Amino acid sequence: MSVPIRADVVGGKKKSSSRGHHRFVGVRQRPSGRWVAEIKDSLQKVRLWLGTFDTAEEAARAYDDAARALRGANARTNFELPGPQL
């Protein structure tokens, strides 16, 4: 059984930036306050621009979608996929 990887938890502790916000994989904040997402395609050795977003969560979800498309179901993501609805 595999354990889901969570980018905001490192060694059992939440990962925080110097400003106290928790950080997401593939997401950074611009000086303007907007959030950007990008992902590195290791096969082609290029960085793919995913866009600029109003919130860190939106940017993190864009990163997650791209990570799953590039690397499959076992990709390192920020959020787990919701379980099947019954």
N, C-alpha and C. Protein backbone atom coordinates (compact mmCIF):
# COMPACT_ATOMS: atom_id res chain seq x y z
N MET A 1 0.84 -1.17 0.00
CA MET A 1 0.00 0.00 0.00
C MET A 1 0.89 1.24 0.00
N SER A 2 0.63 2.18 -0.89
CA SER A 2 1.44 3.38 -0.96
C SER A 2 0.79 4.51 -0.16
N VAL A 3 1.61 5.39 0.35
CA VAL A 3 1.14 6.53 1.12
C VAL A 3 1.14 7.74 0.21
N PRO A 4 0.02 8.49 0.14
CA PRO A 4 -0.01 9.68 -0.71
C PRO A 4 1.02 10.70 -0.27
N ILE A 5 1.67 11.34 -1.23
CA ILE A 5 2.68 12.36 -0.93
C ILE A 5 1.98 13.70 -0.80
N ARG A 6 2.27 14.40 0.26
CA ARG A 6 1.71 15.72 0.47
C ARG A 6 2.85 16.71 0.53
N ALA A 7 2.80 17.72 -0.33
CA ALA A 7 3.88 18.71 -0.40
C ALA A 7 3.89 19.62 0.82
N ASP A 8 2.73 19.77 1.50
CA ASP A 8 2.69 20.70 2.61
C ASP A 8 3.08 20.05 3.94
N VAL A 9 3.42 18.76 3.91
CA VAL A 9 3.84 18.08 5.12
C VAL A 9 5.23 17.51 4.91
N VAL A 10 6.18 17.93 5.72
CA VAL A 10 7.55 17.45 5.62
C VAL A 10 7.95 16.97 7.00
N GLY A 11 8.26 15.69 7.10
CA GLY A 11 8.65 15.13 8.39
C GLY A 11 7.57 15.28 9.45
N GLY A 12 6.29 15.22 9.02
CA GLY A 12 5.19 15.34 9.97
C GLY A 12 4.83 16.77 10.31
N LYS A 13 5.56 17.74 9.77
CA LYS A 13 5.28 19.15 10.05
C LYS A 13 4.86 19.84 8.76
N LYS A 14 4.01 20.85 8.90
CA LYS A 14 3.63 21.63 7.73
C LYS A 14 4.81 22.44 7.24
N LYS A 15 5.00 22.46 5.93
CA LYS A 15 6.08 23.23 5.33
C LYS A 15 5.61 24.67 5.18
N SER A 16 6.38 25.62 5.65
CA SER A 16 5.99 27.03 5.59
C SER A 16 7.07 27.85 4.92
N SER A 17 6.64 28.92 4.32
CA SER A 17 7.59 29.87 3.75
C SER A 17 8.01 30.84 4.85
N SER A 18 8.87 31.75 4.50
CA SER A 18 9.34 32.72 5.49
C SER A 18 8.22 33.66 5.93
N ARG A 19 7.16 33.76 5.15
CA ARG A 19 6.03 34.62 5.52
C ARG A 19 4.96 33.87 6.29
N GLY A 20 5.17 32.58 6.55
CA GLY A 20 4.21 31.83 7.34
C GLY A 20 3.11 31.16 6.53
N HIS A 21 3.09 31.36 5.22
CA HIS A 21 2.09 30.70 4.37
C HIS A 21 2.58 29.29 4.08
N HIS A 22 1.65 28.33 4.00
CA HIS A 22 2.15 27.03 3.58
C HIS A 22 2.31 27.04 2.07
N ARG A 23 3.33 26.33 1.61
CA ARG A 23 3.71 26.37 0.21
C ARG A 23 3.23 25.15 -0.53
N PHE A 24 3.05 25.33 -1.82
CA PHE A 24 2.66 24.24 -2.70
C PHE A 24 3.77 23.95 -3.68
N VAL A 25 3.87 22.70 -4.11
CA VAL A 25 4.85 22.30 -5.12
C VAL A 25 4.49 22.97 -6.44
N GLY A 26 5.49 23.57 -7.10
CA GLY A 26 5.28 24.17 -8.42
C GLY A 26 4.60 25.52 -8.41
N VAL A 27 4.48 26.14 -7.23
CA VAL A 27 3.75 27.40 -7.09
C VAL A 27 4.66 28.41 -6.40
N ARG A 28 4.61 29.64 -6.90
CA ARG A 28 5.35 30.72 -6.23
C ARG A 28 4.54 32.00 -6.33
N GLN A 29 4.86 32.93 -5.46
CA GLN A 29 4.13 34.19 -5.44
C GLN A 29 4.99 35.30 -6.04
N ARG A 30 4.38 36.08 -6.91
CA ARG A 30 5.07 37.23 -7.50
C ARG A 30 5.02 38.40 -6.53
N PRO A 31 5.90 39.38 -6.72
CA PRO A 31 5.86 40.56 -5.85
C PRO A 31 4.52 41.29 -5.88
N SER A 32 3.77 41.15 -6.97
CA SER A 32 2.46 41.79 -7.08
C SER A 32 1.41 41.11 -6.20
N GLY A 33 1.74 39.93 -5.68
CA GLY A 33 0.78 39.19 -4.86
C GLY A 33 0.08 38.08 -5.60
N ARG A 34 0.18 38.08 -6.92
CA ARG A 34 -0.44 37.01 -7.72
C ARG A 34 0.40 35.75 -7.61
N TRP A 35 -0.21 34.61 -7.93
CA TRP A 35 0.45 33.31 -7.82
C TRP A 35 0.67 32.72 -9.19
N VAL A 36 1.80 32.09 -9.41
CA VAL A 36 2.11 31.46 -10.69
C VAL A 36 2.41 29.98 -10.47
N ALA A 37 2.10 29.19 -11.50
CA ALA A 37 2.38 27.76 -11.45
C ALA A 37 3.19 27.39 -12.67
N GLU A 38 4.17 26.51 -12.44
CA GLU A 38 4.99 25.98 -13.52
C GLU A 38 5.46 24.60 -13.13
N ILE A 39 5.80 23.79 -14.13
CA ILE A 39 6.26 22.44 -13.88
C ILE A 39 7.40 22.13 -14.82
N LYS A 40 8.35 21.35 -14.36
CA LYS A 40 9.48 20.97 -15.21
C LYS A 40 9.19 19.61 -15.82
N ASP A 41 9.27 19.54 -17.14
CA ASP A 41 9.14 18.27 -17.86
C ASP A 41 10.54 17.69 -17.96
N SER A 42 10.82 16.70 -17.13
CA SER A 42 12.18 16.16 -17.06
C SER A 42 12.57 15.39 -18.32
N LEU A 43 11.60 14.90 -19.08
CA LEU A 43 11.94 14.18 -20.32
C LEU A 43 12.46 15.14 -21.38
N GLN A 44 11.81 16.28 -21.53
CA GLN A 44 12.22 17.26 -22.54
C GLN A 44 13.15 18.32 -21.96
N LYS A 45 13.35 18.28 -20.63
CA LYS A 45 14.22 19.23 -19.94
C LYS A 45 13.83 20.68 -20.20
N VAL A 46 12.52 20.92 -20.09
CA VAL A 46 11.99 22.28 -20.24
C VAL A 46 11.03 22.56 -19.09
N ARG A 47 10.89 23.83 -18.76
CA ARG A 47 9.93 24.27 -17.76
C ARG A 47 8.66 24.72 -18.48
N LEU A 48 7.53 24.15 -18.09
CA LEU A 48 6.25 24.48 -18.71
C LEU A 48 5.50 25.50 -17.85
N TRP A 49 5.12 26.61 -18.46
CA TRP A 49 4.38 27.67 -17.78
C TRP A 49 2.92 27.27 -17.73
N LEU A 50 2.32 27.27 -16.55
CA LEU A 50 0.93 26.86 -16.38
C LEU A 50 -0.02 28.04 -16.19
N GLY A 51 0.52 29.20 -15.85
CA GLY A 51 -0.33 30.38 -15.76
C GLY A 51 -0.17 31.16 -14.48
N THR A 52 -0.92 32.27 -14.41
CA THR A 52 -0.95 33.16 -13.26
C THR A 52 -2.34 33.08 -12.65
N PHE A 53 -2.42 33.03 -11.33
CA PHE A 53 -3.69 32.79 -10.65
C PHE A 53 -3.85 33.77 -9.48
N ASP A 54 -5.10 33.96 -9.07
CA ASP A 54 -5.40 34.85 -7.95
C ASP A 54 -5.07 34.23 -6.60
N THR A 55 -5.16 32.90 -6.50
CA THR A 55 -4.89 32.24 -5.22
C THR A 55 -3.85 31.14 -5.40
N ALA A 56 -3.18 30.83 -4.31
CA ALA A 56 -2.19 29.75 -4.33
C ALA A 56 -2.87 28.41 -4.59
N GLU A 57 -4.07 28.22 -4.08
CA GLU A 57 -4.78 26.96 -4.28
C GLU A 57 -5.12 26.73 -5.75
N GLU A 58 -5.54 27.77 -6.46
CA GLU A 58 -5.82 27.63 -7.89
C GLU A 58 -4.56 27.24 -8.65
N ALA A 59 -3.45 27.88 -8.32
CA ALA A 59 -2.19 27.56 -8.97
C ALA A 59 -1.77 26.13 -8.65
N ALA A 60 -1.96 25.70 -7.41
CA ALA A 60 -1.59 24.35 -7.01
C ALA A 60 -2.43 23.31 -7.74
N ARG A 61 -3.70 23.59 -7.96
CA ARG A 61 -4.56 22.64 -8.70
C ARG A 61 -4.15 22.56 -10.17
N ALA A 62 -3.72 23.68 -10.74
CA ALA A 62 -3.21 23.66 -12.12
C ALA A 62 -1.95 22.81 -12.19
N TYR A 63 -1.07 22.97 -11.20
CA TYR A 63 0.15 22.16 -11.15
C TYR A 63 -0.21 20.67 -11.04
N ASP A 64 -1.16 20.34 -10.16
CA ASP A 64 -1.55 18.94 -9.96
C ASP A 64 -2.07 18.33 -11.26
N ASP A 65 -2.90 19.07 -11.99
CA ASP A 65 -3.42 18.56 -13.27
C ASP A 65 -2.28 18.27 -14.25
N ALA A 66 -1.33 19.18 -14.34
CA ALA A 66 -0.20 19.01 -15.25
C ALA A 66 0.69 17.85 -14.79
N ALA A 67 0.91 17.73 -13.48
CA ALA A 67 1.76 16.65 -12.96
C ALA A 67 1.14 15.29 -13.27
N ARG A 68 -0.16 15.17 -13.09
CA ARG A 68 -0.82 13.89 -13.38
C ARG A 68 -0.78 13.59 -14.88
N ALA A 69 -0.90 14.63 -15.72
CA ALA A 69 -0.85 14.42 -17.17
C ALA A 69 0.55 13.99 -17.61
N LEU A 70 1.59 14.59 -17.00
CA LEU A 70 2.96 14.27 -17.38
C LEU A 70 3.47 12.97 -16.76
N ARG A 71 3.11 12.74 -15.49
CA ARG A 71 3.75 11.66 -14.73
C ARG A 71 2.81 10.55 -14.30
N GLY A 72 1.53 10.69 -14.57
CA GLY A 72 0.58 9.63 -14.22
C GLY A 72 0.02 9.75 -12.81
N ALA A 73 -0.66 8.70 -12.39
CA ALA A 73 -1.39 8.70 -11.12
C ALA A 73 -0.48 8.80 -9.91
N ASN A 74 0.78 8.40 -10.03
CA ASN A 74 1.69 8.43 -8.89
C ASN A 74 2.52 9.71 -8.81
N ALA A 75 2.11 10.75 -9.51
CA ALA A 75 2.84 12.01 -9.51
C ALA A 75 2.79 12.67 -8.13
N ARG A 76 3.83 13.41 -7.81
CA ARG A 76 3.84 14.20 -6.57
C ARG A 76 2.92 15.39 -6.78
N THR A 77 1.88 15.49 -5.95
CA THR A 77 0.88 16.55 -6.11
C THR A 77 0.66 17.27 -4.78
N ASN A 78 -0.08 18.34 -4.86
CA ASN A 78 -0.43 19.12 -3.68
C ASN A 78 -1.69 18.62 -3.00
N PHE A 79 -2.63 18.11 -3.78
CA PHE A 79 -3.91 17.64 -3.26
C PHE A 79 -4.17 16.23 -3.75
N GLU A 80 -4.84 15.45 -2.92
CA GLU A 80 -5.22 14.11 -3.34
C GLU A 80 -6.47 14.21 -4.21
N LEU A 81 -6.63 13.24 -5.13
CA LEU A 81 -7.85 13.18 -5.92
C LEU A 81 -9.01 12.78 -5.03
N PRO A 82 -10.19 13.35 -5.25
CA PRO A 82 -11.34 12.92 -4.45
C PRO A 82 -11.67 11.46 -4.78
N GLY A 83 -12.11 10.76 -3.77
CA GLY A 83 -12.49 9.34 -3.96
C GLY A 83 -13.73 9.22 -4.82
N PRO A 84 -14.04 8.00 -5.27
CA PRO A 84 -15.22 7.80 -6.11
C PRO A 84 -16.51 8.11 -5.33
N GLN A 85 -17.42 8.76 -5.97
CA GLN A 85 -18.71 9.10 -5.37
C GLN A 85 -19.64 7.92 -5.48
N LEU A 86 -20.25 7.55 -4.38
CA LEU A 86 -21.19 6.42 -4.38
C LEU A 86 -22.60 6.88 -4.42
